Amino acid sequence: MSAPQTTSPLATWSQMFVIGFDLQRTWMKATETLLTSQRVIDARTILICNAGRSPLTGDYRELSRMVPEKIEAFTQSGAALTQSIAVMHQAFLSQGQAMAAAMLSGNPLWMLQGRSQALRSIDAVSRMAAVTLAPIHKTATANARRLKKREKQ
């Protein structure tokens, strides 16, 4: 979501609420990632113990997924973070330039002129968190679902 060019205080507050809800959604996904990661760790710990006790019957297919899936998820997360940092950096630079121009304009209400730029910066931070978490969340929740199905079998 990109922040609109607006001078309406109501539109500004509305946009801030939308960004706040986006941040809350990201926080909920982070919490879900932590909880599902613990379930995956628990399930895989049992698989590791079983493979240690009986090496010929160990589930090496599942165990061999552990490192490559983490590398893939964190590589995707790092790439998303890198792109988001560039977007966020540009938003902060634009905000700084707009604020400097507003301060030098001689307008006593110069602080009100930077609302849309500030919203872009806040939105960029919100998006950065969401896109950075997404690949890790996807991998952790997929693992938890797959391992849960195995438990039922």
Foldseek 3Di string as FASTA:
>chain_A
DAFDQDLDPVSLVVLVVVLVVLLVVLVVLVVLLVVLLVLLVVLVVVLVVVCVVPVVPGPVVVVVVVVVLVVVLQVQLVVLLVVLVVQLVVLVVVLVVQLVCLVVPPDPVSVSNSSSSVSRNSSSVSVSSNSSCVSSSVSSVVSSVVSVVVVVD
